[in-house]
Amino acid sequence: MRDTVPPAAVDAEKFSQALINVLGNAVKYSPKGGGIGISAREIDGRRGERQVAIVVSDQGIGMTPTQAA
């Protein structure tokens, strides 16, 4: 496993706003003092291209399958 992920082409403004939203929700819905983690990894895209996945984990209650859809 590598300690770094490759560079990825993104719309910096949209990426930043999306990350702020997801991290804001993690803080808002996690119990006080609950841990929040963020990581990145390289994955295979739907068409076989390499992509970078950003993963945020928290201690919140999560979403129901209906909400996730």
PDB file of N, CA and C in Angstrom:
ATOM      1  N   MET A   1       0.847  -1.181   0.000  1.00  0.00           N
ATOM      2  CA  MET A   1       0.000   0.000   0.000  1.00  0.00           C
ATOM      3  C   MET A   1       0.888   1.238   0.000  1.00  0.00           C
ATOM      4  N   ARG A   2       0.484   2.226  -0.779  1.00  0.00           N
ATOM      5  CA  ARG A   2       1.241   3.471  -0.844  1.00  0.00           C
ATOM      6  C   ARG A   2       0.787   4.427   0.243  1.00  0.00           C
ATOM      7  N   ASP A   3       1.689   5.325   0.619  1.00  0.00           N
ATOM      8  CA  ASP A   3       1.350   6.346   1.611  1.00  0.00           C
ATOM      9  C   ASP A   3       0.768   7.597   0.964  1.00  0.00           C
ATOM     10  N   THR A   4       0.751   7.631  -0.352  1.00  0.00           N
ATOM     11  CA  THR A   4       0.232   8.803  -1.063  1.00  0.00           C
ATOM     12  C   THR A   4      -0.746   8.346  -2.138  1.00  0.00           C
ATOM     13  N   VAL A   5      -1.560   9.274  -2.581  1.00  0.00           N
ATOM     14  CA  VAL A   5      -2.455   9.014  -3.716  1.00  0.00           C
ATOM     15  C   VAL A   5      -2.007   9.915  -4.853  1.00  0.00           C
ATOM     16  N   PRO A   6      -2.300   9.533  -6.090  1.00  0.00           N
ATOM     17  CA  PRO A   6      -1.874  10.360  -7.215  1.00  0.00           C
ATOM     18  C   PRO A   6      -2.675  11.650  -7.282  1.00  0.00           C
ATOM     19  N   PRO A   7      -2.145  12.639  -7.983  1.00  0.00           N
ATOM     20  CA  PRO A   7      -2.907  13.869  -8.192  1.00  0.00           C
ATOM     21  C   PRO A   7      -4.197  13.557  -8.947  1.00  0.00           C
ATOM     22  N   ALA A   8      -5.217  14.353  -8.701  1.00  0.00           N
ATOM     23  CA  ALA A   8      -6.499  14.175  -9.384  1.00  0.00           C
ATOM     24  C   ALA A   8      -6.979  15.527  -9.898  1.00  0.00           C
ATOM     25  N   ALA A   9      -7.559  15.511 -11.084  1.00  0.00           N
ATOM     26  CA  ALA A   9      -8.115  16.734 -11.664  1.00  0.00           C
ATOM     27  C   ALA A   9      -9.507  16.958 -11.083  1.00  0.00           C
ATOM     28  N   VAL A  10      -9.696  18.083 -10.411  1.00  0.00           N
ATOM     29  CA  VAL A  10     -10.988  18.415  -9.813  1.00  0.00           C
ATOM     30  C   VAL A  10     -11.285  19.889 -10.035  1.00  0.00           C
ATOM     31  N   ASP A  11     -12.542  20.236  -9.913  1.00  0.00           N
ATOM     32  CA  ASP A  11     -12.938  21.637  -9.851  1.00  0.00           C
ATOM     33  C   ASP A  11     -12.692  22.036  -8.403  1.00  0.00           C
ATOM     34  N   ALA A  12     -11.665  22.816  -8.155  1.00  0.00           N
ATOM     35  CA  ALA A  12     -11.229  23.131  -6.792  1.00  0.00           C
ATOM     36  C   ALA A  12     -12.338  23.734  -5.939  1.00  0.00           C
ATOM     37  N   GLU A  13     -13.117  24.632  -6.508  1.00  0.00           N
ATOM     38  CA  GLU A  13     -14.182  25.282  -5.743  1.00  0.00           C
ATOM     39  C   GLU A  13     -15.277  24.281  -5.353  1.00  0.00           C
ATOM     40  N   LYS A  14     -15.707  23.455  -6.303  1.00  0.00           N
ATOM     41  CA  LYS A  14     -16.760  22.471  -6.017  1.00  0.00           C
ATOM     42  C   LYS A  14     -16.257  21.387  -5.066  1.00  0.00           C
ATOM     43  N   PHE A  15     -15.017  20.946  -5.270  1.00  0.00           N
ATOM     44  CA  PHE A  15     -14.450  19.932  -4.388  1.00  0.00           C
ATOM     45  C   PHE A  15     -14.357  20.458  -2.959  1.00  0.00           C
ATOM     46  N   SER A  16     -13.868  21.663  -2.814  1.00  0.00           N
ATOM     47  CA  SER A  16     -13.743  22.279  -1.496  1.00  0.00           C
ATOM     48  C   SER A  16     -15.103  22.394  -0.813  1.00  0.00           C
ATOM     49  N   GLN A  17     -16.116  22.855  -1.544  1.00  0.00           N
ATOM     50  CA  GLN A  17     -17.457  23.009  -0.967  1.00  0.00           C
ATOM     51  C   GLN A  17     -18.038  21.663  -0.571  1.00  0.00           C
ATOM     52  N   ALA A  18     -17.855  20.645  -1.415  1.00  0.00           N
ATOM     53  CA  ALA A  18     -18.366  19.304  -1.095  1.00  0.00           C
ATOM     54  C   ALA A  18     -17.686  18.757   0.160  1.00  0.00           C
ATOM     55  N   LEU A  19     -16.382  18.928   0.263  1.00  0.00           N
ATOM     56  CA  LEU A  19     -15.651  18.432   1.431  1.00  0.00           C
ATOM     57  C   LEU A  19     -16.073  19.177   2.698  1.00  0.00           C
ATOM     58  N   ILE A  20     -16.269  20.472   2.596  1.00  0.00           N
ATOM     59  CA  ILE A  20     -16.744  21.260   3.740  1.00  0.00           C
ATOM     60  C   ILE A  20     -18.123  20.765   4.178  1.00  0.00           C
ATOM     61  N   ASN A  21     -19.011  20.500   3.217  1.00  0.00           N
ATOM     62  CA  ASN A  21     -20.363  20.018   3.543  1.00  0.00           C
ATOM     63  C   ASN A  21     -20.317  18.670   4.250  1.00  0.00           C
ATOM     64  N   VAL A  22     -19.538  17.732   3.710  1.00  0.00           N
ATOM     65  CA  VAL A  22     -19.475  16.387   4.291  1.00  0.00           C
ATOM     66  C   VAL A  22     -18.839  16.435   5.681  1.00  0.00           C
ATOM     67  N   LEU A  23     -17.755  17.175   5.828  1.00  0.00           N
ATOM     68  CA  LEU A  23     -17.114  17.282   7.144  1.00  0.00           C
ATOM     69  C   LEU A  23     -18.008  18.024   8.133  1.00  0.00           C
ATOM     70  N   GLY A  24     -18.726  19.041   7.664  1.00  0.00           N
ATOM     71  CA  GLY A  24     -19.663  19.756   8.526  1.00  0.00           C
ATOM     72  C   GLY A  24     -20.754  18.839   9.050  1.00  0.00           C
ATOM     73  N   ASN A  25     -21.273  17.968   8.171  1.00  0.00           N
ATOM     74  CA  ASN A  25     -22.282  17.004   8.606  1.00  0.00           C
ATOM     75  C   ASN A  25     -21.697  16.006   9.600  1.00  0.00           C
ATOM     76  N   ALA A  26     -20.452  15.582   9.367  1.00  0.00           N
ATOM     77  CA  ALA A  26     -19.812  14.639  10.292  1.00  0.00           C
ATOM     78  C   ALA A  26     -19.710  15.254  11.685  1.00  0.00           C
ATOM     79  N   VAL A  27     -19.337  16.525  11.739  1.00  0.00           N
ATOM     80  CA  VAL A  27     -19.233  17.214  13.035  1.00  0.00           C
ATOM     81  C   VAL A  27     -20.619  17.389  13.646  1.00  0.00           C
ATOM     82  N   LYS A  28     -21.577  17.818  12.832  1.00  0.00           N
ATOM     83  CA  LYS A  28     -22.923  18.110  13.324  1.00  0.00           C
ATOM     84  C   LYS A  28     -23.626  16.877  13.880  1.00  0.00           C
ATOM     85  N   TYR A  29     -23.464  15.728  13.227  1.00  0.00           N
ATOM     86  CA  TYR A  29     -24.225  14.545  13.605  1.00  0.00           C
ATOM     87  C   TYR A  29     -23.446  13.523  14.430  1.00  0.00           C
ATOM     88  N   SER A  30     -22.188  13.794  14.740  1.00  0.00           N
ATOM     89  CA  SER A  30     -21.433  12.899  15.618  1.00  0.00           C
ATOM     90  C   SER A  30     -21.665  13.313  17.062  1.00  0.00           C
ATOM     91  N   PRO A  31     -21.660  12.350  17.972  1.00  0.00           N
ATOM     92  CA  PRO A  31     -21.792  12.723  19.381  1.00  0.00           C
ATOM     93  C   PRO A  31     -20.607  13.581  19.809  1.00  0.00           C
ATOM     94  N   LYS A  32     -20.830  14.431  20.772  1.00  0.00           N
ATOM     95  CA  LYS A  32     -19.772  15.320  21.252  1.00  0.00           C
ATOM     96  C   LYS A  32     -18.552  14.487  21.640  1.00  0.00           C
ATOM     97  N   GLY A  33     -17.401  14.852  21.103  1.00  0.00           N
ATOM     98  CA  GLY A  33     -16.174  14.117  21.371  1.00  0.00           C
ATOM     99  C   GLY A  33     -15.980  12.905  20.480  1.00  0.00           C
ATOM    100  N   GLY A  34     -16.950  12.618  19.591  1.00  0.00           N
ATOM    101  CA  GLY A  34     -16.833  11.474  18.675  1.00  0.00           C
ATOM    102  C   GLY A  34     -15.760  11.725  17.636  1.00  0.00           C
ATOM    103  N   GLY A  35     -15.063  10.688  17.256  1.00  0.00           N
ATOM    104  CA  GLY A  35     -13.989  10.819  16.280  1.00  0.00           C
ATOM    105  C   GLY A  35     -14.502  10.981  14.861  1.00  0.00           C
ATOM    106  N   ILE A  36     -13.752  11.726  14.069  1.00  0.00           N
ATOM    107  CA  ILE A  36     -14.026  11.908  12.652  1.00  0.00           C
ATOM    108  C   ILE A  36     -12.731  11.617  11.919  1.00  0.00           C
ATOM    109  N   GLY A  37     -12.818  10.766  10.901  1.00  0.00           N
ATOM    110  CA  GLY A  37     -11.633  10.421  10.127  1.00  0.00           C
ATOM    111  C   GLY A  37     -11.814  10.799   8.673  1.00  0.00           C
ATOM    112  N   ILE A  38     -10.709  11.076   8.005  1.00  0.00           N
ATOM    113  CA  ILE A  38     -10.738  11.352   6.572  1.00  0.00           C
ATOM    114  C   ILE A  38      -9.530  10.657   5.957  1.00  0.00           C
ATOM    115  N   SER A  39      -9.767   9.998   4.843  1.00  0.00           N
ATOM    116  CA  SER A  39      -8.681   9.321   4.150  1.00  0.00           C
ATOM    117  C   SER A  39      -8.937   9.382   2.652  1.00  0.00           C
ATOM    118  N   ALA A  40      -7.923   9.068   1.891  1.00  0.00           N
ATOM    119  CA  ALA A  40      -8.039   9.033   0.438  1.00  0.00           C
ATOM    120  C   ALA A  40      -7.355   7.768  -0.055  1.00  0.00           C
ATOM    121  N   ARG A  41      -7.913   7.206  -1.122  1.00  0.00           N
ATOM    122  CA  ARG A  41      -7.283   6.028  -1.711  1.00  0.00           C
ATOM    123  C   ARG A  41      -7.577   6.006  -3.199  1.00  0.00           C
ATOM    124  N   GLU A  42      -6.738   5.332  -3.936  1.00  0.00           N
ATOM    125  CA  GLU A  42      -6.906   5.178  -5.370  1.00  0.00           C
ATOM    126  C   GLU A  42      -7.807   3.975  -5.624  1.00  0.00           C
ATOM    127  N   ILE A  43      -8.785   4.135  -6.530  1.00  0.00           N
ATOM    128  CA  ILE A  43      -9.724   3.058  -6.843  1.00  0.00           C
ATOM    129  C   ILE A  43      -9.888   2.938  -8.353  1.00  0.00           C
ATOM    130  N   ASP A  44     -10.488   1.827  -8.787  1.00  0.00           N
ATOM    131  CA  ASP A  44     -10.851   1.658 -10.192  1.00  0.00           C
ATOM    132  C   ASP A  44     -12.197   2.324 -10.427  1.00  0.00           C
ATOM    133  N   GLY A  45     -12.276   3.174 -11.437  1.00  0.00           N
ATOM    134  CA  GLY A  45     -13.529   3.816 -11.797  1.00  0.00           C
ATOM    135  C   GLY A  45     -14.439   2.884 -12.557  1.00  0.00           C
ATOM    136  N   ARG A  46     -15.631   3.322 -12.855  1.00  0.00           N
ATOM    137  CA  ARG A  46     -16.632   2.502 -13.556  1.00  0.00           C
ATOM    138  C   ARG A  46     -16.170   2.059 -14.939  1.00  0.00           C
ATOM    139  N   ARG A  47     -15.392   2.906 -15.598  1.00  0.00           N
ATOM    140  CA  ARG A  47     -14.913   2.568 -16.952  1.00  0.00           C
ATOM    141  C   ARG A  47     -13.469   2.078 -16.929  1.00  0.00           C
ATOM    142  N   GLY A  48     -13.010   1.651 -15.756  1.00  0.00           N
ATOM    143  CA  GLY A  48     -11.663   1.100 -15.653  1.00  0.00           C
ATOM    144  C   GLY A  48     -10.568   2.127 -15.409  1.00  0.00           C
ATOM    145  N   GLU A  49     -10.916   3.405 -15.414  1.00  0.00           N
ATOM    146  CA  GLU A  49      -9.909   4.434 -15.167  1.00  0.00           C
ATOM    147  C   GLU A  49      -9.604   4.508 -13.668  1.00  0.00           C
ATOM    148  N   ARG A  50      -8.440   4.996 -13.327  1.00  0.00           N
ATOM    149  CA  ARG A  50      -8.067   5.151 -11.924  1.00  0.00           C
ATOM    150  C   ARG A  50      -8.688   6.437 -11.389  1.00  0.00           C
ATOM    151  N   GLN A  51      -9.234   6.391 -10.181  1.00  0.00           N
ATOM    152  CA  GLN A  51      -9.842   7.546  -9.529  1.00  0.00           C
ATOM    153  C   GLN A  51      -9.339   7.630  -8.097  1.00  0.00           C
ATOM    154  N   VAL A  52      -9.547   8.780  -7.488  1.00  0.00           N
ATOM    155  CA  VAL A  52      -9.208   8.971  -6.083  1.00  0.00           C
ATOM    156  C   VAL A  52     -10.517   9.073  -5.300  1.00  0.00           C
ATOM    157  N   ALA A  53     -10.671   8.224  -4.289  1.00  0.00           N
ATOM    158  CA  ALA A  53     -11.852   8.233  -3.428  1.00  0.00           C
ATOM    159  C   ALA A  53     -11.491   8.908  -2.109  1.00  0.00           C
ATOM    160  N   ILE A  54     -12.325   9.825  -1.672  1.00  0.00           N
ATOM    161  CA  ILE A  54     -12.176  10.482  -0.372  1.00  0.00           C
ATOM    162  C   ILE A  54     -13.200   9.829   0.551  1.00  0.00           C
ATOM    163  N   VAL A  55     -12.751   9.335   1.707  1.00  0.00           N
ATOM    164  CA  VAL A  55     -13.621   8.631   2.646  1.00  0.00           C
ATOM    165  C   VAL A  55     -13.656   9.398   3.959  1.00  0.00           C
ATOM    166  N   VAL A  56     -14.862   9.763   4.391  1.00  0.00           N
ATOM    167  CA  VAL A  56     -15.046  10.428   5.682  1.00  0.00           C
ATOM    168  C   VAL A  56     -15.813   9.461   6.576  1.00  0.00           C
ATOM    169  N   SER A  57     -15.298   9.223   7.760  1.00  0.00           N
ATOM    170  CA  SER A  57     -15.992   8.352   8.714  1.00  0.00           C
ATOM    171  C   SER A  57     -16.248   9.135   9.995  1.00  0.00           C
ATOM    172  N   ASP A  58     -17.371   8.839  10.622  1.00  0.00           N
ATOM    173  CA  ASP A  58     -17.711   9.544  11.856  1.00  0.00           C
ATOM    174  C   ASP A  58     -18.489   8.611  12.769  1.00  0.00           C
ATOM    175  N   GLN A  59     -18.908   9.109  13.901  1.00  0.00           N
ATOM    176  CA  GLN A  59     -19.621   8.324  14.897  1.00  0.00           C
ATOM    177  C   GLN A  59     -21.110   8.628  14.912  1.00  0.00           C
ATOM    178  N   GLY A  60     -21.607   9.246  13.844  1.00  0.00           N
ATOM    179  CA  GLY A  60     -23.024   9.600  13.752  1.00  0.00           C
ATOM    180  C   GLY A  60     -23.902   8.379  13.520  1.00  0.00           C
ATOM    181  N   ILE A  61     -25.206   8.604  13.503  1.00  0.00           N
ATOM    182  CA  ILE A  61     -26.159   7.499  13.362  1.00  0.00           C
ATOM    183  C   ILE A  61     -26.237   6.977  11.935  1.00  0.00           C
ATOM    184  N   GLY A  62     -25.726   7.713  10.974  1.00  0.00           N
ATOM    185  CA  GLY A  62     -25.754   7.272   9.584  1.00  0.00           C
ATOM    186  C   GLY A  62     -27.079   7.532   8.911  1.00  0.00           C
ATOM    187  N   MET A  63     -27.228   6.967   7.728  1.00  0.00           N
ATOM    188  CA  MET A  63     -28.442   7.158   6.936  1.00  0.00           C
ATOM    189  C   MET A  63     -29.100   5.805   6.720  1.00  0.00           C
ATOM    190  N   THR A  64     -30.395   5.825   6.578  1.00  0.00           N
ATOM    191  CA  THR A  64     -31.123   4.611   6.228  1.00  0.00           C
ATOM    192  C   THR A  64     -30.833   4.303   4.755  1.00  0.00           C
ATOM    193  N   PRO A  65     -31.061   3.074   4.307  1.00  0.00           N
ATOM    194  CA  PRO A  65     -30.879   2.763   2.892  1.00  0.00           C
ATOM    195  C   PRO A  65     -31.724   3.670   1.979  1.00  0.00           C
ATOM    196  N   THR A  66     -32.915   4.031   2.417  1.00  0.00           N
ATOM    197  CA  THR A  66     -33.783   4.923   1.633  1.00  0.00           C
ATOM    198  C   THR A  66     -33.147   6.305   1.504  1.00  0.00           C
ATOM    199  N   GLN A  67     -32.597   6.830   2.589  1.00  0.00           N
ATOM    200  CA  GLN A  67     -31.949   8.137   2.551  1.00  0.00           C
ATOM    201  C   GLN A  67     -30.701   8.104   1.667  1.00  0.00           C
ATOM    202  N   ALA A  68     -29.959   7.024   1.727  1.00  0.00           N
ATOM    203  CA  ALA A  68     -28.732   6.908   0.933  1.00  0.00           C
ATOM    204  C   ALA A  68     -29.046   6.849  -0.558  1.00  0.00           C
ATOM    205  N   ALA A  69     -30.196   6.273  -0.911  1.00  0.00           N
ATOM    206  CA  ALA A  69     -30.575   6.169  -2.336  1.00  0.00           C
ATOM    207  C   ALA A  69     -30.915   7.549  -2.875  1.00  0.00           C
TER     208      ALA A  69
END
